Amino acid sequence: MTWLRLIGLLGLALGAWRSLAALGTPIRSNGRRYYLQPDGRYRRWYGGRSYRPDEIGL
């Protein structure tokens, strides 16, 4: 593995870690984790559609 590939791999891993850390503390509902978005709705960690608090039982 070349040094450039190793640096690229480390950069991608660091970016993924920072994105995961920026999600904040999850809210658990029905065994699933939802993360609060700036607009007041909730989403899963992978994105997808957003949910109102009453849709997930909060």
PDB file of N, CA and C in Angstrom:
ATOM      1  N   MET A   1       0.851  -1.175   0.000  1.00  0.00           N
ATOM      2  CA  MET A   1       0.000   0.000   0.000  1.00  0.00           C
ATOM      3  C   MET A   1       0.901   1.244   0.000  1.00  0.00           C
ATOM      4  N   THR A   2       0.598   2.146  -0.862  1.00  0.00           N
ATOM      5  CA  THR A   2       1.428   3.343  -0.920  1.00  0.00           C
ATOM      6  C   THR A   2       1.046   4.315   0.195  1.00  0.00           C
ATOM      7  N   TRP A   3       1.928   5.261   0.446  1.00  0.00           N
ATOM      8  CA  TRP A   3       1.678   6.252   1.492  1.00  0.00           C
ATOM      9  C   TRP A   3       0.470   7.109   1.157  1.00  0.00           C
ATOM     10  N   LEU A   4       0.293   7.429  -0.098  1.00  0.00           N
ATOM     11  CA  LEU A   4      -0.829   8.266  -0.500  1.00  0.00           C
ATOM     12  C   LEU A   4      -2.161   7.551  -0.249  1.00  0.00           C
ATOM     13  N   ARG A   5      -2.229   6.273  -0.524  1.00  0.00           N
ATOM     14  CA  ARG A   5      -3.447   5.501  -0.253  1.00  0.00           C
ATOM     15  C   ARG A   5      -3.722   5.424   1.249  1.00  0.00           C
ATOM     16  N   LEU A   6      -2.676   5.239   2.036  1.00  0.00           N
ATOM     17  CA  LEU A   6      -2.832   5.172   3.482  1.00  0.00           C
ATOM     18  C   LEU A   6      -3.332   6.495   4.045  1.00  0.00           C
ATOM     19  N   ILE A   7      -2.785   7.599   3.574  1.00  0.00           N
ATOM     20  CA  ILE A   7      -3.240   8.917   4.021  1.00  0.00           C
ATOM     21  C   ILE A   7      -4.694   9.142   3.608  1.00  0.00           C
ATOM     22  N   GLY A   8      -5.058   8.733   2.400  1.00  0.00           N
ATOM     23  CA  GLY A   8      -6.441   8.861   1.942  1.00  0.00           C
ATOM     24  C   GLY A   8      -7.405   8.039   2.778  1.00  0.00           C
ATOM     25  N   LEU A   9      -7.018   6.825   3.108  1.00  0.00           N
ATOM     26  CA  LEU A   9      -7.852   5.958   3.946  1.00  0.00           C
ATOM     27  C   LEU A   9      -8.037   6.537   5.342  1.00  0.00           C
ATOM     28  N   LEU A  10      -6.968   7.050   5.921  1.00  0.00           N
ATOM     29  CA  LEU A  10      -7.061   7.669   7.243  1.00  0.00           C
ATOM     30  C   LEU A  10      -7.946   8.921   7.206  1.00  0.00           C
ATOM     31  N   GLY A  11      -7.853   9.691   6.131  1.00  0.00           N
ATOM     32  CA  GLY A  11      -8.698  10.878   5.994  1.00  0.00           C
ATOM     33  C   GLY A  11     -10.175  10.519   5.902  1.00  0.00           C
ATOM     34  N   LEU A  12     -10.499   9.490   5.157  1.00  0.00           N
ATOM     35  CA  LEU A  12     -11.892   9.036   5.050  1.00  0.00           C
ATOM     36  C   LEU A  12     -12.416   8.534   6.392  1.00  0.00           C
ATOM     37  N   ALA A  13     -11.603   7.791   7.107  1.00  0.00           N
ATOM     38  CA  ALA A  13     -12.021   7.277   8.412  1.00  0.00           C
ATOM     39  C   ALA A  13     -12.234   8.419   9.402  1.00  0.00           C
ATOM     40  N   LEU A  14     -11.364   9.412   9.389  1.00  0.00           N
ATOM     41  CA  LEU A  14     -11.517  10.560  10.280  1.00  0.00           C
ATOM     42  C   LEU A  14     -12.784  11.343   9.948  1.00  0.00           C
ATOM     43  N   GLY A  15     -13.078  11.521   8.675  1.00  0.00           N
ATOM     44  CA  GLY A  15     -14.294  12.221   8.269  1.00  0.00           C
ATOM     45  C   GLY A  15     -15.550  11.482   8.701  1.00  0.00           C
ATOM     46  N   ALA A  16     -15.546  10.160   8.585  1.00  0.00           N
ATOM     47  CA  ALA A  16     -16.696   9.370   9.018  1.00  0.00           C
ATOM     48  C   ALA A  16     -16.874   9.460  10.533  1.00  0.00           C
ATOM     49  N   TRP A  17     -15.784   9.418  11.281  1.00  0.00           N
ATOM     50  CA  TRP A  17     -15.849   9.513  12.737  1.00  0.00           C
ATOM     51  C   TRP A  17     -16.393  10.870  13.174  1.00  0.00           C
ATOM     52  N   ARG A  18     -15.951  11.942  12.534  1.00  0.00           N
ATOM     53  CA  ARG A  18     -16.421  13.281  12.893  1.00  0.00           C
ATOM     54  C   ARG A  18     -17.905  13.453  12.553  1.00  0.00           C
ATOM     55  N   SER A  19     -18.352  12.868  11.462  1.00  0.00           N
ATOM     56  CA  SER A  19     -19.770  12.944  11.108  1.00  0.00           C
ATOM     57  C   SER A  19     -20.626  12.201  12.125  1.00  0.00           C
ATOM     58  N   LEU A  20     -20.178  11.054  12.563  1.00  0.00           N
ATOM     59  CA  LEU A  20     -20.913  10.283  13.555  1.00  0.00           C
ATOM     60  C   LEU A  20     -20.946  11.016  14.895  1.00  0.00           C
ATOM     61  N   ALA A  21     -19.844  11.628  15.281  1.00  0.00           N
ATOM     62  CA  ALA A  21     -19.783  12.358  16.556  1.00  0.00           C
ATOM     63  C   ALA A  21     -20.663  13.608  16.527  1.00  0.00           C
ATOM     64  N   ALA A  22     -20.866  14.198  15.351  1.00  0.00           N
ATOM     65  CA  ALA A  22     -21.667  15.420  15.228  1.00  0.00           C
ATOM     66  C   ALA A  22     -23.164  15.153  15.367  1.00  0.00           C
ATOM     67  N   LEU A  23     -23.581  13.892  15.326  1.00  0.00           N
ATOM     68  CA  LEU A  23     -25.002  13.575  15.436  1.00  0.00           C
ATOM     69  C   LEU A  23     -25.567  13.878  16.814  1.00  0.00           C
ATOM     70  N   GLY A  24     -24.745  13.800  17.828  1.00  0.00           N
ATOM     71  CA  GLY A  24     -25.225  14.069  19.179  1.00  0.00           C
ATOM     72  C   GLY A  24     -25.762  12.819  19.850  1.00  0.00           C
ATOM     73  N   THR A  25     -26.517  13.019  20.914  1.00  0.00           N
ATOM     74  CA  THR A  25     -27.063  11.913  21.694  1.00  0.00           C
ATOM     75  C   THR A  25     -28.371  11.433  21.075  1.00  0.00           C
ATOM     76  N   PRO A  26     -28.512  10.139  20.848  1.00  0.00           N
ATOM     77  CA  PRO A  26     -29.735   9.637  20.226  1.00  0.00           C
ATOM     78  C   PRO A  26     -30.896   9.526  21.218  1.00  0.00           C
ATOM     79  N   ILE A  27     -32.090   9.564  20.678  1.00  0.00           N
ATOM     80  CA  ILE A  27     -33.318   9.307  21.416  1.00  0.00           C
ATOM     81  C   ILE A  27     -33.758   7.892  21.023  1.00  0.00           C
ATOM     82  N   ARG A  28     -34.034   7.048  22.007  1.00  0.00           N
ATOM     83  CA  ARG A  28     -34.466   5.690  21.698  1.00  0.00           C
ATOM     84  C   ARG A  28     -35.980   5.595  21.745  1.00  0.00           C
ATOM     85  N   SER A  29     -36.538   4.991  20.712  1.00  0.00           N
ATOM     86  CA  SER A  29     -37.969   4.770  20.639  1.00  0.00           C
ATOM     87  C   SER A  29     -38.210   3.466  19.891  1.00  0.00           C
ATOM     88  N   ASN A  30     -38.907   2.540  20.533  1.00  0.00           N
ATOM     89  CA  ASN A  30     -39.194   1.221  19.949  1.00  0.00           C
ATOM     90  C   ASN A  30     -37.919   0.479  19.546  1.00  0.00           C
ATOM     91  N   GLY A  31     -36.859   0.650  20.311  1.00  0.00           N
ATOM     92  CA  GLY A  31     -35.609  -0.053  20.039  1.00  0.00           C
ATOM     93  C   GLY A  31     -34.774   0.562  18.935  1.00  0.00           C
ATOM     94  N   ARG A  32     -35.176   1.684  18.404  1.00  0.00           N
ATOM     95  CA  ARG A  32     -34.431   2.348  17.336  1.00  0.00           C
ATOM     96  C   ARG A  32     -33.889   3.671  17.844  1.00  0.00           C
ATOM     97  N   ARG A  33     -32.770   4.090  17.274  1.00  0.00           N
ATOM     98  CA  ARG A  33     -32.155   5.361  17.670  1.00  0.00           C
ATOM     99  C   ARG A  33     -32.505   6.437  16.653  1.00  0.00           C
ATOM    100  N   TYR A  34     -32.965   7.563  17.163  1.00  0.00           N
ATOM    101  CA  TYR A  34     -33.285   8.712  16.327  1.00  0.00           C
ATOM    102  C   TYR A  34     -32.470   9.899  16.805  1.00  0.00           C
ATOM    103  N   TYR A  35     -32.008  10.717  15.862  1.00  0.00           N
ATOM    104  CA  TYR A  35     -31.184  11.872  16.186  1.00  0.00           C
ATOM    105  C   TYR A  35     -31.942  13.145  15.847  1.00  0.00           C
ATOM    106  N   LEU A  36     -31.911  14.116  16.763  1.00  0.00           N
ATOM    107  CA  LEU A  36     -32.595  15.384  16.583  1.00  0.00           C
ATOM    108  C   LEU A  36     -31.900  16.210  15.509  1.00  0.00           C
ATOM    109  N   GLN A  37     -32.678  16.746  14.581  1.00  0.00           N
ATOM    110  CA  GLN A  37     -32.181  17.599  13.513  1.00  0.00           C
ATOM    111  C   GLN A  37     -32.417  19.065  13.868  1.00  0.00           C
ATOM    112  N   PRO A  38     -31.736  19.994  13.202  1.00  0.00           N
ATOM    113  CA  PRO A  38     -31.914  21.416  13.524  1.00  0.00           C
ATOM    114  C   PRO A  38     -33.345  21.925  13.336  1.00  0.00           C
ATOM    115  N   ASP A  39     -34.120  21.292  12.479  1.00  0.00           N
ATOM    116  CA  ASP A  39     -35.495  21.750  12.245  1.00  0.00           C
ATOM    117  C   ASP A  39     -36.495  21.170  13.243  1.00  0.00           C
ATOM    118  N   GLY A  40     -36.030  20.392  14.229  1.00  0.00           N
ATOM    119  CA  GLY A  40     -36.909  19.837  15.254  1.00  0.00           C
ATOM    120  C   GLY A  40     -37.466  18.465  14.929  1.00  0.00           C
ATOM    121  N   ARG A  41     -37.119  17.910  13.789  1.00  0.00           N
ATOM    122  CA  ARG A  41     -37.556  16.563  13.425  1.00  0.00           C
ATOM    123  C   ARG A  41     -36.462  15.572  13.789  1.00  0.00           C
ATOM    124  N   TYR A  42     -36.738  14.286  13.671  1.00  0.00           N
ATOM    125  CA  TYR A  42     -35.789  13.237  14.035  1.00  0.00           C
ATOM    126  C   TYR A  42     -35.474  12.375  12.826  1.00  0.00           C
ATOM    127  N   ARG A  43     -34.236  11.892  12.762  1.00  0.00           N
ATOM    128  CA  ARG A  43     -33.793  11.002  11.694  1.00  0.00           C
ATOM    129  C   ARG A  43     -32.978   9.865  12.262  1.00  0.00           C
ATOM    130  N   ARG A  44     -32.879   8.794  11.476  1.00  0.00           N
ATOM    131  CA  ARG A  44     -31.992   7.680  11.816  1.00  0.00           C
ATOM    132  C   ARG A  44     -30.568   8.069  11.458  1.00  0.00           C
ATOM    133  N   TRP A  45     -29.580   7.297  11.849  1.00  0.00           N
ATOM    134  CA  TRP A  45     -28.172   7.628  11.637  1.00  0.00           C
ATOM    135  C   TRP A  45     -27.805   7.643  10.165  1.00  0.00           C
ATOM    136  N   TYR A  46     -28.488   6.864   9.338  1.00  0.00           N
ATOM    137  CA  TYR A  46     -28.144   6.761   7.928  1.00  0.00           C
ATOM    138  C   TYR A  46     -28.889   7.781   7.070  1.00  0.00           C
ATOM    139  N   GLY A  47     -29.698   8.635   7.692  1.00  0.00           N
ATOM    140  CA  GLY A  47     -30.450   9.625   6.919  1.00  0.00           C
ATOM    141  C   GLY A  47     -31.875   9.151   6.717  1.00  0.00           C
ATOM    142  N   GLY A  48     -32.279   9.028   5.490  1.00  0.00           N
ATOM    143  CA  GLY A  48     -33.655   8.613   5.215  1.00  0.00           C
ATOM    144  C   GLY A  48     -34.625   9.745   5.495  1.00  0.00           C
ATOM    145  N   ARG A  49     -35.878   9.402   5.599  1.00  0.00           N
ATOM    146  CA  ARG A  49     -36.874  10.445   5.838  1.00  0.00           C
ATOM    147  C   ARG A  49     -36.833  10.887   7.291  1.00  0.00           C
ATOM    148  N   SER A  50     -37.304  12.084   7.527  1.00  0.00           N
ATOM    149  CA  SER A  50     -37.346  12.596   8.895  1.00  0.00           C
ATOM    150  C   SER A  50     -38.736  12.369   9.477  1.00  0.00           C
ATOM    151  N   TYR A  51     -38.811  12.283  10.796  1.00  0.00           N
ATOM    152  CA  TYR A  51     -40.044  11.983  11.509  1.00  0.00           C
ATOM    153  C   TYR A  51     -40.376  13.101  12.486  1.00  0.00           C
ATOM    154  N   ARG A  52     -41.646  13.404  12.609  1.00  0.00           N
ATOM    155  CA  ARG A  52     -42.092  14.322  13.662  1.00  0.00           C
ATOM    156  C   ARG A  52     -42.035  13.567  14.981  1.00  0.00           C
ATOM    157  N   PRO A  53     -41.917  14.279  16.090  1.00  0.00           N
ATOM    158  CA  PRO A  53     -41.859  13.590  17.392  1.00  0.00           C
ATOM    159  C   PRO A  53     -43.066  12.689  17.662  1.00  0.00           C
ATOM    160  N   ASP A  54     -44.254  13.087  17.223  1.00  0.00           N
ATOM    161  CA  ASP A  54     -45.434  12.252  17.471  1.00  0.00           C
ATOM    162  C   ASP A  54     -45.456  10.998  16.609  1.00  0.00           C
ATOM    163  N   GLU A  55     -44.728  10.972  15.521  1.00  0.00           N
ATOM    164  CA  GLU A  55     -44.676   9.793  14.662  1.00  0.00           C
ATOM    165  C   GLU A  55     -43.838   8.674  15.277  1.00  0.00           C
ATOM    166  N   ILE A  56     -42.883   9.024  16.129  1.00  0.00           N
ATOM    167  CA  ILE A  56     -42.040   7.990  16.735  1.00  0.00           C
ATOM    168  C   ILE A  56     -42.386   7.754  18.196  1.00  0.00           C
ATOM    169  N   GLY A  57     -43.432   8.369  18.669  1.00  0.00           N
ATOM    170  CA  GLY A  57     -43.909   8.093  20.015  1.00  0.00           C
ATOM    171  C   GLY A  57     -43.347   8.982  21.101  1.00  0.00           C
ATOM    172  N   LEU A  58     -42.883  10.151  20.755  1.00  0.00           N
ATOM    173  CA  LEU A  58     -42.377  11.070  21.789  1.00  0.00           C
ATOM    174  C   LEU A  58     -43.430  12.065  22.183  1.00  0.00           C
TER     175      LEU A  58
END
